[in-house]
Amino acid sequence: NNINQKNKPMKIFKKISMLLLATITFLSCDEAERILDELTEFNITQDLTREFNVSISEEGPETLNDEVTFDLASINQIQDDLDLISHVVINSLTFEIDNFTGDSEATLSAASMTFGETSISLDNINLEESDIENTEYPIGDPTQLNAIADELQEATQITVTFSGTVDNTPVSFDVKLVLNSTISGDVL
């Protein structure tokens, strides 16, 4: 009986040690899982830039219609992981008029940009003034940006159609379109 009394503190110590070891192991597994998640997830924020090059040589009001494509495969960091993309967020969508030559009264009107199935109307723009002032035009409301992001996430690319009417031609100018997005995924 005296031997059992001597071993009692040892048994308690063993039980506490086992419980402590189990607790540390459990916490370590959660921490290891969190670290593994961080190591296998990717979040890339990047500007995708495309340009419409407009050149109208005819006089009078002329209609323009041009296309470019945004393709997530053009982002080097995710080229091999396109099938692992789980979420696309468009942080901003802007355009700017550059390299204008022509009549100072030339105006872009009745213009729109269509991203896949989502069309965004643009305000009338004096082309020369916009180029001189380096005006950057934000476009799209949150609902439109989410729709574009969903389509881009699903297909990994989206075609953008730019259309409108330009008066006081001939003119030439570029429309620089910038889509800033965050692309997320998990390699495991």
N, C-alpha and C. Protein backbone atom coordinates (compact mmCIF):
# COMPACT_ATOMS: atom_id res chain seq x y z
N ASN A 1 0.82 -1.17 0.00
CA ASN A 1 0.00 0.00 0.00
C ASN A 1 0.87 1.25 0.00
N ASN A 2 1.95 1.20 0.71
CA ASN A 2 2.90 2.29 0.78
C ASN A 2 3.53 2.55 -0.60
N ILE A 3 3.72 1.51 -1.39
CA ILE A 3 4.30 1.64 -2.73
C ILE A 3 3.33 2.37 -3.64
N ASN A 4 2.03 2.05 -3.54
CA ASN A 4 1.03 2.74 -4.35
C ASN A 4 0.99 4.23 -4.03
N GLN A 5 1.17 4.59 -2.75
CA GLN A 5 1.18 5.99 -2.33
C GLN A 5 2.39 6.71 -2.94
N LYS A 6 3.54 6.03 -3.01
CA LYS A 6 4.74 6.64 -3.58
C LYS A 6 4.58 6.84 -5.08
N ASN A 7 3.90 5.92 -5.76
CA ASN A 7 3.72 6.01 -7.21
C ASN A 7 2.59 6.97 -7.61
N LYS A 8 1.73 7.32 -6.66
CA LYS A 8 0.60 8.18 -6.96
C LYS A 8 1.05 9.52 -7.56
N PRO A 9 2.03 10.25 -6.99
CA PRO A 9 2.48 11.49 -7.62
C PRO A 9 3.03 11.24 -9.02
N MET A 10 3.69 10.12 -9.23
CA MET A 10 4.23 9.79 -10.54
C MET A 10 3.11 9.55 -11.54
N LYS A 11 2.03 8.85 -11.12
CA LYS A 11 0.89 8.62 -12.00
C LYS A 11 0.22 9.93 -12.37
N ILE A 12 0.06 10.80 -11.41
CA ILE A 12 -0.54 12.12 -11.68
C ILE A 12 0.36 12.90 -12.63
N PHE A 13 1.66 12.88 -12.40
CA PHE A 13 2.60 13.57 -13.26
C PHE A 13 2.51 13.02 -14.69
N LYS A 14 2.43 11.70 -14.84
CA LYS A 14 2.32 11.09 -16.17
C LYS A 14 1.04 11.52 -16.86
N LYS A 15 -0.08 11.53 -16.10
CA LYS A 15 -1.36 11.93 -16.69
C LYS A 15 -1.33 13.39 -17.12
N ILE A 16 -0.78 14.26 -16.27
CA ILE A 16 -0.68 15.67 -16.62
C ILE A 16 0.25 15.85 -17.82
N SER A 17 1.35 15.13 -17.83
CA SER A 17 2.29 15.21 -18.95
C SER A 17 1.64 14.78 -20.25
N MET A 18 0.87 13.68 -20.21
CA MET A 18 0.19 13.18 -21.41
C MET A 18 -0.86 14.19 -21.88
N LEU A 19 -1.60 14.76 -20.94
CA LEU A 19 -2.61 15.76 -21.27
C LEU A 19 -1.95 17.00 -21.87
N LEU A 20 -0.86 17.44 -21.28
CA LEU A 20 -0.13 18.59 -21.79
C LEU A 20 0.43 18.30 -23.18
N LEU A 21 0.98 17.13 -23.38
CA LEU A 21 1.51 16.73 -24.68
C LEU A 21 0.40 16.69 -25.73
N ALA A 22 -0.74 16.15 -25.36
CA ALA A 22 -1.87 16.09 -26.29
C ALA A 22 -2.35 17.50 -26.65
N THR A 23 -2.40 18.38 -25.66
CA THR A 23 -2.83 19.76 -25.90
C THR A 23 -1.85 20.47 -26.84
N ILE A 24 -0.56 20.32 -26.58
CA ILE A 24 0.46 20.95 -27.42
C ILE A 24 0.37 20.40 -28.84
N THR A 25 0.20 19.12 -28.98
CA THR A 25 0.08 18.49 -30.30
C THR A 25 -1.13 19.03 -31.04
N PHE A 26 -2.27 19.13 -30.33
CA PHE A 26 -3.49 19.63 -30.95
C PHE A 26 -3.30 21.07 -31.41
N LEU A 27 -2.74 21.92 -30.56
CA LEU A 27 -2.50 23.31 -30.92
C LEU A 27 -1.50 23.40 -32.06
N SER A 28 -0.51 22.58 -32.04
CA SER A 28 0.49 22.59 -33.09
C SER A 28 -0.11 22.18 -34.43
N CYS A 29 -1.06 21.27 -34.44
CA CYS A 29 -1.72 20.85 -35.68
C CYS A 29 -2.51 22.01 -36.27
N ASP A 30 -3.24 22.75 -35.41
CA ASP A 30 -3.97 23.91 -35.90
C ASP A 30 -3.02 24.96 -36.47
N GLU A 31 -1.94 25.20 -35.76
CA GLU A 31 -0.95 26.16 -36.22
C GLU A 31 -0.29 25.69 -37.51
N ALA A 32 0.01 24.41 -37.59
CA ALA A 32 0.61 23.84 -38.80
C ALA A 32 -0.36 23.97 -39.98
N GLU A 33 -1.64 23.72 -39.72
CA GLU A 33 -2.65 23.84 -40.77
C GLU A 33 -2.75 25.29 -41.26
N ARG A 34 -2.71 26.24 -40.33
CA ARG A 34 -2.77 27.66 -40.69
C ARG A 34 -1.56 28.04 -41.54
N ILE A 35 -0.39 27.59 -41.14
CA ILE A 35 0.84 27.89 -41.89
C ILE A 35 0.78 27.24 -43.27
N LEU A 36 0.32 26.00 -43.33
CA LEU A 36 0.20 25.31 -44.61
C LEU A 36 -0.76 26.04 -45.54
N ASP A 37 -1.89 26.51 -44.98
CA ASP A 37 -2.84 27.29 -45.79
C ASP A 37 -2.18 28.53 -46.35
N GLU A 38 -1.43 29.24 -45.52
CA GLU A 38 -0.75 30.45 -45.97
C GLU A 38 0.27 30.14 -47.06
N LEU A 39 0.95 29.03 -46.94
CA LEU A 39 1.97 28.67 -47.92
C LEU A 39 1.38 28.21 -49.25
N THR A 40 0.18 27.66 -49.23
CA THR A 40 -0.40 27.11 -50.46
C THR A 40 -1.38 28.05 -51.14
N GLU A 41 -1.76 29.14 -50.49
CA GLU A 41 -2.68 30.11 -51.09
C GLU A 41 -1.89 31.16 -51.85
N PHE A 42 -2.51 31.70 -52.90
CA PHE A 42 -1.90 32.83 -53.57
C PHE A 42 -2.93 33.95 -53.71
N ASN A 43 -2.47 35.16 -53.53
CA ASN A 43 -3.24 36.38 -53.73
C ASN A 43 -2.34 37.32 -54.52
N ILE A 44 -2.72 37.60 -55.75
CA ILE A 44 -1.90 38.44 -56.61
C ILE A 44 -2.73 39.64 -57.01
N THR A 45 -2.23 40.83 -56.72
CA THR A 45 -2.88 42.05 -57.15
C THR A 45 -2.03 42.66 -58.24
N GLN A 46 -2.68 42.93 -59.38
CA GLN A 46 -1.91 43.41 -60.52
C GLN A 46 -2.79 44.19 -61.47
N ASP A 47 -2.17 45.16 -62.15
CA ASP A 47 -2.84 45.88 -63.22
C ASP A 47 -2.72 45.07 -64.51
N LEU A 48 -3.84 44.92 -65.18
CA LEU A 48 -3.85 44.40 -66.55
C LEU A 48 -4.16 45.60 -67.43
N THR A 49 -3.32 45.86 -68.41
CA THR A 49 -3.47 47.05 -69.26
C THR A 49 -3.62 46.64 -70.72
N ARG A 50 -4.59 47.25 -71.38
CA ARG A 50 -4.79 47.05 -72.81
C ARG A 50 -5.02 48.42 -73.44
N GLU A 51 -4.75 48.53 -74.74
CA GLU A 51 -4.95 49.79 -75.45
C GLU A 51 -5.78 49.60 -76.70
N PHE A 52 -6.69 50.54 -76.89
CA PHE A 52 -7.40 50.66 -78.15
C PHE A 52 -6.66 51.75 -78.93
N ASN A 53 -6.26 51.46 -80.14
CA ASN A 53 -5.59 52.44 -80.99
C ASN A 53 -6.61 52.89 -82.03
N VAL A 54 -7.07 54.14 -81.91
CA VAL A 54 -8.12 54.67 -82.78
C VAL A 54 -7.50 55.60 -83.81
N SER A 55 -7.81 55.35 -85.06
CA SER A 55 -7.36 56.22 -86.14
C SER A 55 -8.51 56.35 -87.13
N ILE A 56 -9.05 57.57 -87.23
CA ILE A 56 -10.17 57.83 -88.14
C ILE A 56 -9.69 58.86 -89.15
N SER A 57 -9.63 58.46 -90.41
CA SER A 57 -9.12 59.36 -91.45
C SER A 57 -10.23 60.08 -92.21
N GLU A 58 -11.46 59.63 -92.06
CA GLU A 58 -12.59 60.26 -92.76
C GLU A 58 -13.03 61.52 -92.02
N GLU A 59 -13.64 62.47 -92.79
CA GLU A 59 -14.17 63.68 -92.17
C GLU A 59 -15.59 63.44 -91.70
N GLY A 60 -15.98 64.23 -90.68
CA GLY A 60 -17.35 64.17 -90.19
C GLY A 60 -17.46 63.23 -89.00
N PRO A 61 -18.63 63.09 -88.45
CA PRO A 61 -18.81 62.13 -87.36
C PRO A 61 -18.59 60.71 -87.88
N GLU A 62 -17.80 59.96 -87.14
CA GLU A 62 -17.51 58.58 -87.52
C GLU A 62 -17.73 57.67 -86.32
N THR A 63 -18.21 56.48 -86.60
CA THR A 63 -18.44 55.48 -85.56
C THR A 63 -17.18 54.63 -85.41
N LEU A 64 -16.86 54.34 -84.17
CA LEU A 64 -15.72 53.45 -83.94
C LEU A 64 -16.20 52.22 -83.19
N ASN A 65 -15.50 51.13 -83.45
CA ASN A 65 -15.82 49.86 -82.80
C ASN A 65 -14.54 49.03 -82.81
N ASP A 66 -14.03 48.72 -81.63
CA ASP A 66 -12.76 48.01 -81.53
C ASP A 66 -12.83 47.04 -80.35
N GLU A 67 -11.97 46.03 -80.36
CA GLU A 67 -11.94 45.01 -79.31
C GLU A 67 -10.53 44.76 -78.80
N VAL A 68 -10.45 44.45 -77.51
CA VAL A 68 -9.22 43.94 -76.89
C VAL A 68 -9.65 42.83 -75.94
N THR A 69 -8.69 42.03 -75.49
CA THR A 69 -9.00 40.94 -74.57
C THR A 69 -8.09 41.01 -73.35
N PHE A 70 -8.71 40.91 -72.18
CA PHE A 70 -7.96 40.73 -70.94
C PHE A 70 -7.86 39.23 -70.70
N ASP A 71 -6.65 38.75 -70.44
CA ASP A 71 -6.43 37.32 -70.24
C ASP A 71 -5.57 37.12 -69.00
N LEU A 72 -6.11 36.40 -68.02
CA LEU A 72 -5.35 36.15 -66.78
C LEU A 72 -4.07 35.37 -67.05
N ALA A 73 -4.00 34.65 -68.15
CA ALA A 73 -2.79 33.90 -68.50
C ALA A 73 -1.62 34.84 -68.79
N SER A 74 -1.92 36.12 -68.98
CA SER A 74 -0.82 37.08 -69.22
C SER A 74 -0.10 37.46 -67.93
N ILE A 75 -0.61 37.01 -66.78
CA ILE A 75 0.05 37.28 -65.50
C ILE A 75 1.02 36.14 -65.23
N ASN A 76 2.31 36.43 -65.28
CA ASN A 76 3.34 35.39 -65.16
C ASN A 76 3.18 34.52 -63.92
N GLN A 77 2.82 35.11 -62.77
CA GLN A 77 2.77 34.37 -61.51
C GLN A 77 1.69 33.30 -61.48
N ILE A 78 0.69 33.39 -62.35
CA ILE A 78 -0.40 32.40 -62.29
C ILE A 78 -0.63 31.64 -63.60
N GLN A 79 0.24 31.81 -64.57
CA GLN A 79 0.07 31.14 -65.86
C GLN A 79 -0.18 29.64 -65.73
N ASP A 80 0.55 29.00 -64.83
CA ASP A 80 0.43 27.55 -64.68
C ASP A 80 -0.66 27.14 -63.69
N ASP A 81 -1.32 28.11 -63.06
CA ASP A 81 -2.30 27.80 -62.02
C ASP A 81 -3.69 28.34 -62.33
N LEU A 82 -4.01 28.56 -63.59
CA LEU A 82 -5.31 29.13 -63.95
C LEU A 82 -6.48 28.30 -63.44
N ASP A 83 -6.32 26.98 -63.42
CA ASP A 83 -7.40 26.11 -62.96
C ASP A 83 -7.56 26.12 -61.44
N LEU A 84 -6.63 26.77 -60.73
CA LEU A 84 -6.69 26.83 -59.26
C LEU A 84 -7.28 28.14 -58.75
N ILE A 85 -7.64 29.04 -59.67
CA ILE A 85 -8.21 30.33 -59.27
C ILE A 85 -9.56 30.11 -58.60
N SER A 86 -9.70 30.65 -57.41
CA SER A 86 -10.96 30.50 -56.67
C SER A 86 -11.73 31.80 -56.55
N HIS A 87 -11.06 32.94 -56.80
CA HIS A 87 -11.76 34.21 -56.62
C HIS A 87 -11.04 35.31 -57.38
N VAL A 88 -11.80 36.16 -58.05
CA VAL A 88 -11.27 37.34 -58.73
C VAL A 88 -12.04 38.55 -58.23
N VAL A 89 -11.31 39.58 -57.84
CA VAL A 89 -11.92 40.83 -57.40
C VAL A 89 -11.35 41.94 -58.28
N ILE A 90 -12.23 42.78 -58.82
CA ILE A 90 -11.75 43.95 -59.56
C ILE A 90 -11.73 45.11 -58.59
N ASN A 91 -10.52 45.59 -58.33
CA ASN A 91 -10.33 46.70 -57.39
C ASN A 91 -10.65 48.04 -58.04
N SER A 92 -10.31 48.18 -59.31
CA SER A 92 -10.62 49.40 -60.05
C SER A 92 -10.56 49.12 -61.54
N LEU A 93 -11.28 49.95 -62.28
CA LEU A 93 -11.32 49.86 -63.73
C LEU A 93 -11.31 51.29 -64.24
N THR A 94 -10.27 51.66 -64.99
CA THR A 94 -10.12 53.04 -65.45
C THR A 94 -9.68 53.07 -66.91
N PHE A 95 -9.88 54.23 -67.54
CA PHE A 95 -9.30 54.44 -68.87
C PHE A 95 -8.81 55.88 -68.97
N GLU A 96 -7.93 56.08 -69.94
CA GLU A 96 -7.33 57.39 -70.16
C GLU A 96 -7.11 57.57 -71.66
N ILE A 97 -7.30 58.80 -72.14
CA ILE A 97 -7.04 59.14 -73.55
C ILE A 97 -5.59 59.60 -73.66
N ASP A 98 -4.85 59.02 -74.60
CA ASP A 98 -3.44 59.38 -74.81
C ASP A 98 -3.18 59.62 -76.29
N ASN A 99 -2.10 60.34 -76.57
CA ASN A 99 -1.56 60.53 -77.92
C ASN A 99 -2.57 61.09 -78.92
N PHE A 100 -3.38 62.04 -78.47
CA PHE A 100 -4.39 62.61 -79.35
C PHE A 100 -3.77 63.52 -80.39
N THR A 101 -4.21 63.39 -81.64
CA THR A 101 -3.92 64.35 -82.70
C THR A 101 -5.21 64.57 -83.47
N GLY A 102 -5.48 65.85 -83.78
CA GLY A 102 -6.70 66.17 -84.52
C GLY A 102 -7.28 67.49 -84.07
N ASP A 103 -8.51 67.74 -84.44
CA ASP A 103 -9.23 68.97 -84.13
C ASP A 103 -9.45 69.09 -82.62
N SER A 104 -9.21 70.29 -82.09
CA SER A 104 -9.35 70.50 -80.64
C SER A 104 -10.79 70.36 -80.16
N GLU A 105 -11.74 70.39 -81.07
CA GLU A 105 -13.15 70.25 -80.70
C GLU A 105 -13.65 68.80 -80.84
N ALA A 106 -12.79 67.89 -81.22
CA ALA A 106 -13.21 66.48 -81.40
C ALA A 106 -13.74 65.92 -80.09
N THR A 107 -14.90 65.28 -80.17
CA THR A 107 -15.56 64.75 -78.99
C THR A 107 -15.97 63.30 -79.22
N LEU A 108 -15.77 62.50 -78.20
CA LEU A 108 -16.26 61.12 -78.19
C LEU A 108 -17.62 61.15 -77.52
N SER A 109 -18.65 60.62 -78.18
CA SER A 109 -20.00 60.63 -77.61
C SER A 109 -20.67 59.28 -77.86
N ALA A 110 -21.77 59.06 -77.15
CA ALA A 110 -22.55 57.82 -77.25
C ALA A 110 -21.62 56.60 -77.14
N ALA A 111 -20.65 56.70 -76.26
CA ALA A 111 -19.63 55.66 -76.14
C ALA A 111 -19.97 54.67 -75.04
N SER A 112 -19.46 53.46 -75.23
CA SER A 112 -19.61 52.43 -74.19
C SER A 112 -18.45 51.44 -74.31
N MET A 113 -18.22 50.74 -73.21
CA MET A 113 -17.30 49.61 -73.19
C MET A 113 -18.10 48.42 -72.69
N THR A 114 -18.02 47.33 -73.44
CA THR A 114 -18.74 46.12 -73.06
C THR A 114 -17.72 45.04 -72.73
N PHE A 115 -17.79 44.55 -71.49
CA PHE A 115 -16.89 43.52 -70.97
C PHE A 115 -17.68 42.22 -70.95
N GLY A 116 -17.49 41.38 -71.95
CA GLY A 116 -18.28 40.15 -72.04
C GLY A 116 -19.75 40.52 -72.16
N GLU A 117 -20.53 40.23 -71.11
CA GLU A 117 -21.96 40.50 -71.10
C GLU A 117 -22.32 41.81 -70.41
N THR A 118 -21.34 42.53 -69.87
CA THR A 118 -21.60 43.73 -69.07
C THR A 118 -21.22 44.99 -69.84
N SER A 119 -22.22 45.84 -70.09
CA SER A 119 -21.98 47.08 -70.83
C SER A 119 -21.96 48.27 -69.87
N ILE A 120 -20.99 49.16 -70.10
CA ILE A 120 -20.83 50.35 -69.27
C ILE A 120 -20.85 51.57 -70.19
N SER A 121 -21.80 52.48 -69.97
CA SER A 121 -21.89 53.71 -70.75
C SER A 121 -20.86 54.72 -70.27
N LEU A 122 -20.33 55.48 -71.23
CA LEU A 122 -19.32 56.49 -70.91
C LEU A 122 -19.89 57.88 -71.19
N ASP A 123 -19.45 58.86 -70.40
CA ASP A 123 -19.84 60.25 -70.64
C ASP A 123 -19.15 60.78 -71.88
N ASN A 124 -19.69 61.88 -72.44
CA ASN A 124 -19.05 62.53 -73.57
C ASN A 124 -17.69 63.09 -73.13
N ILE A 125 -16.71 63.01 -74.03
CA ILE A 125 -15.35 63.40 -73.69
C ILE A 125 -14.76 64.25 -74.81
N ASN A 126 -14.23 65.44 -74.44
CA ASN A 126 -13.43 66.21 -75.37
C ASN A 126 -12.06 65.54 -75.39
N LEU A 127 -11.67 65.00 -76.52
CA LEU A 127 -10.47 64.15 -76.61
C LEU A 127 -9.18 64.91 -76.34
N GLU A 128 -9.00 66.08 -76.96
CA GLU A 128 -7.76 66.84 -76.75
C GLU A 128 -7.62 67.26 -75.29
N GLU A 129 -8.67 67.81 -74.73
CA GLU A 129 -8.65 68.26 -73.33
C GLU A 129 -8.34 67.09 -72.39
N SER A 130 -8.94 65.96 -72.64
CA SER A 130 -8.72 64.78 -71.81
C SER A 130 -7.26 64.33 -71.86
N ASP A 131 -6.68 64.36 -73.07
CA ASP A 131 -5.28 63.95 -73.22
C ASP A 131 -4.35 64.95 -72.54
N ILE A 132 -4.56 66.24 -72.74
CA ILE A 132 -3.70 67.27 -72.16
C ILE A 132 -3.72 67.19 -70.63
N GLU A 133 -4.92 66.99 -70.08
CA GLU A 133 -5.07 66.96 -68.62
C GLU A 133 -4.76 65.59 -68.00
N ASN A 134 -4.45 64.60 -68.86
CA ASN A 134 -4.19 63.24 -68.39
C ASN A 134 -5.29 62.73 -67.47
N THR A 135 -6.52 62.98 -67.88
CA THR A 135 -7.67 62.59 -67.07
C THR A 135 -7.81 61.07 -67.05
N GLU A 136 -7.92 60.53 -65.85
CA GLU A 136 -8.15 59.10 -65.68
C GLU A 136 -9.61 58.92 -65.27
N TYR A 137 -10.37 58.18 -66.08
CA TYR A 137 -11.80 58.01 -65.85
C TYR A 137 -12.08 56.66 -65.19
N PRO A 138 -12.58 56.67 -63.95
CA PRO A 138 -13.02 55.40 -63.35
C PRO A 138 -14.36 55.01 -63.97
N ILE A 139 -14.53 53.73 -64.25
CA ILE A 139 -15.80 53.29 -64.83
C ILE A 139 -16.31 52.05 -64.09
N GLY A 140 -17.61 51.88 -64.16
CA GLY A 140 -18.25 50.71 -63.58
C GLY A 140 -18.64 50.90 -62.14
N ASP A 141 -19.85 50.46 -61.81
CA ASP A 141 -20.29 50.46 -60.42
C ASP A 141 -19.97 49.09 -59.82
N PRO A 142 -20.13 48.92 -58.50
CA PRO A 142 -19.76 47.64 -57.87
C PRO A 142 -20.47 46.42 -58.49
N THR A 143 -21.72 46.56 -58.86
CA THR A 143 -22.44 45.43 -59.47
C THR A 143 -21.81 45.05 -60.81
N GLN A 144 -21.48 46.05 -61.62
CA GLN A 144 -20.85 45.79 -62.92
C GLN A 144 -19.46 45.18 -62.74
N LEU A 145 -18.68 45.72 -61.80
CA LEU A 145 -17.33 45.19 -61.57
C LEU A 145 -17.39 43.75 -61.08
N ASN A 146 -18.36 43.44 -60.22
CA ASN A 146 -18.52 42.05 -59.74
C ASN A 146 -18.91 41.12 -60.88
N ALA A 147 -19.78 41.57 -61.77
CA ALA A 147 -20.19 40.74 -62.91
C ALA A 147 -19.00 40.47 -63.83
N ILE A 148 -18.19 41.49 -64.07
CA ILE A 148 -16.98 41.32 -64.90
C ILE A 148 -16.01 40.36 -64.22
N ALA A 149 -15.83 40.53 -62.91
CA ALA A 149 -14.92 39.64 -62.16
C ALA A 149 -15.40 38.20 -62.21
N ASP A 150 -16.71 37.99 -62.06
CA ASP A 150 -17.25 36.63 -62.11
C ASP A 150 -16.99 35.99 -63.47
N GLU A 151 -17.21 36.76 -64.53
CA GLU A 151 -16.98 36.22 -65.88
C GLU A 151 -15.49 35.95 -66.12
N LEU A 152 -14.64 36.83 -65.62
CA LEU A 152 -13.20 36.65 -65.76
C LEU A 152 -12.73 35.43 -64.97
N GLN A 153 -13.30 35.24 -63.79
CA GLN A 153 -12.94 34.07 -62.96
C GLN A 153 -13.36 32.77 -63.67
N GLU A 154 -14.53 32.78 -64.25
CA GLU A 154 -15.06 31.58 -64.90
C GLU A 154 -14.27 31.21 -66.17
N ALA A 155 -13.99 32.21 -66.99
CA ALA A 155 -13.37 31.93 -68.30
C ALA A 155 -11.88 32.27 -68.36
N THR A 156 -11.35 32.97 -67.39
CA THR A 156 -9.96 33.46 -67.28
C THR A 156 -9.59 34.49 -68.35
N GLN A 157 -10.53 34.84 -69.21
CA GLN A 157 -10.32 35.92 -70.16
C GLN A 157 -11.65 36.57 -70.49
N ILE A 158 -11.58 37.83 -70.92
CA ILE A 158 -12.81 38.55 -71.26
C ILE A 158 -12.50 39.52 -72.39
N THR A 159 -13.39 39.58 -73.36
CA THR A 159 -13.24 40.49 -74.49
C THR A 159 -13.96 41.79 -74.17
N VAL A 160 -13.28 42.90 -74.47
CA VAL A 160 -13.83 44.23 -74.23
C VAL A 160 -14.06 44.90 -75.58
N THR A 161 -15.29 45.34 -75.81
CA THR A 161 -15.63 46.06 -77.03
C THR A 161 -15.82 47.53 -76.69
N PHE A 162 -15.12 48.39 -77.43
CA PHE A 162 -15.20 49.84 -77.25
C PHE A 162 -15.90 50.42 -78.47
N SER A 163 -17.00 51.14 -78.24
CA SER A 163 -17.72 51.72 -79.37
C SER A 163 -18.17 53.14 -79.03
N GLY A 164 -18.43 53.92 -80.05
CA GLY A 164 -18.89 55.29 -79.86
C GLY A 164 -18.80 56.06 -81.15
N THR A 165 -19.08 57.35 -81.05
CA THR A 165 -19.04 58.24 -82.21
C THR A 165 -18.05 59.36 -81.92
N VAL A 166 -17.23 59.68 -82.93
CA VAL A 166 -16.27 60.77 -82.80
C VAL A 166 -16.63 61.80 -83.86
N ASP A 167 -16.82 63.07 -83.42
CA ASP A 167 -17.08 64.14 -84.38
C ASP A 167 -15.81 64.95 -84.61
N ASN A 168 -15.87 65.85 -85.58
CA ASN A 168 -14.72 66.70 -85.94
C ASN A 168 -13.49 65.87 -86.27
N THR A 169 -13.70 64.91 -87.11
CA THR A 169 -12.60 64.05 -87.54
C THR A 169 -11.98 64.64 -88.80
N PRO A 170 -10.79 64.22 -89.20
CA PRO A 170 -10.00 63.06 -88.79
C PRO A 170 -9.29 63.27 -87.44
N VAL A 171 -9.08 62.15 -86.73
CA VAL A 171 -8.39 62.14 -85.45
C VAL A 171 -7.67 60.81 -85.28
N SER A 172 -6.73 60.82 -84.36
CA SER A 172 -6.16 59.55 -83.89
C SER A 172 -5.86 59.72 -82.40
N PHE A 173 -6.03 58.64 -81.65
CA PHE A 173 -5.77 58.65 -80.21
C PHE A 173 -5.75 57.22 -79.71
N ASP A 174 -5.21 57.06 -78.53
CA ASP A 174 -5.21 55.75 -77.87
C ASP A 174 -6.10 55.83 -76.63
N VAL A 175 -6.72 54.73 -76.32
CA VAL A 175 -7.50 54.61 -75.09
C VAL A 175 -6.82 53.54 -74.26
N LYS A 176 -6.18 53.97 -73.17
CA LYS A 176 -5.48 53.04 -72.27
C LYS A 176 -6.46 52.59 -71.20
N LEU A 177 -6.73 51.29 -71.19
CA LEU A 177 -7.70 50.69 -70.27
C LEU A 177 -6.93 49.88 -69.23
N VAL A 178 -7.18 50.17 -67.93
CA VAL A 178 -6.45 49.50 -66.85
C VAL A 178 -7.44 48.82 -65.92
N LEU A 179 -7.29 47.52 -65.77
CA LEU A 179 -8.11 46.72 -64.87
C LEU A 179 -7.19 46.25 -63.73
N ASN A 180 -7.43 46.78 -62.53
CA ASN A 180 -6.64 46.35 -61.36
C ASN A 180 -7.44 45.28 -60.64
N SER A 181 -6.84 44.11 -60.50
CA SER A 181 -7.58 42.99 -59.91
C SER A 181 -6.72 42.24 -58.90
N THR A 182 -7.41 41.54 -58.01
CA THR A 182 -6.75 40.61 -57.09
C THR A 182 -7.27 39.23 -57.42
N ILE A 183 -6.34 38.33 -57.72
CA ILE A 183 -6.68 36.95 -58.08
C ILE A 183 -6.22 36.05 -56.94
N SER A 184 -7.12 35.20 -56.47
CA SER A 184 -6.82 34.32 -55.34
C SER A 184 -7.04 32.86 -55.74
N GLY A 185 -6.29 31.98 -55.08
CA GLY A 185 -6.44 30.55 -55.31
C GLY A 185 -5.68 29.77 -54.28
N ASP A 186 -5.79 28.45 -54.36
CA ASP A 186 -5.13 27.56 -53.42
C ASP A 186 -4.57 26.40 -54.21
N VAL A 187 -3.26 26.15 -54.06
CA VAL A 187 -2.61 25.08 -54.82
C VAL A 187 -2.86 23.70 -54.24
N LEU A 188 -3.45 23.62 -53.06
CA LEU A 188 -3.81 22.30 -52.47
C LEU A 188 -5.30 22.16 -52.33
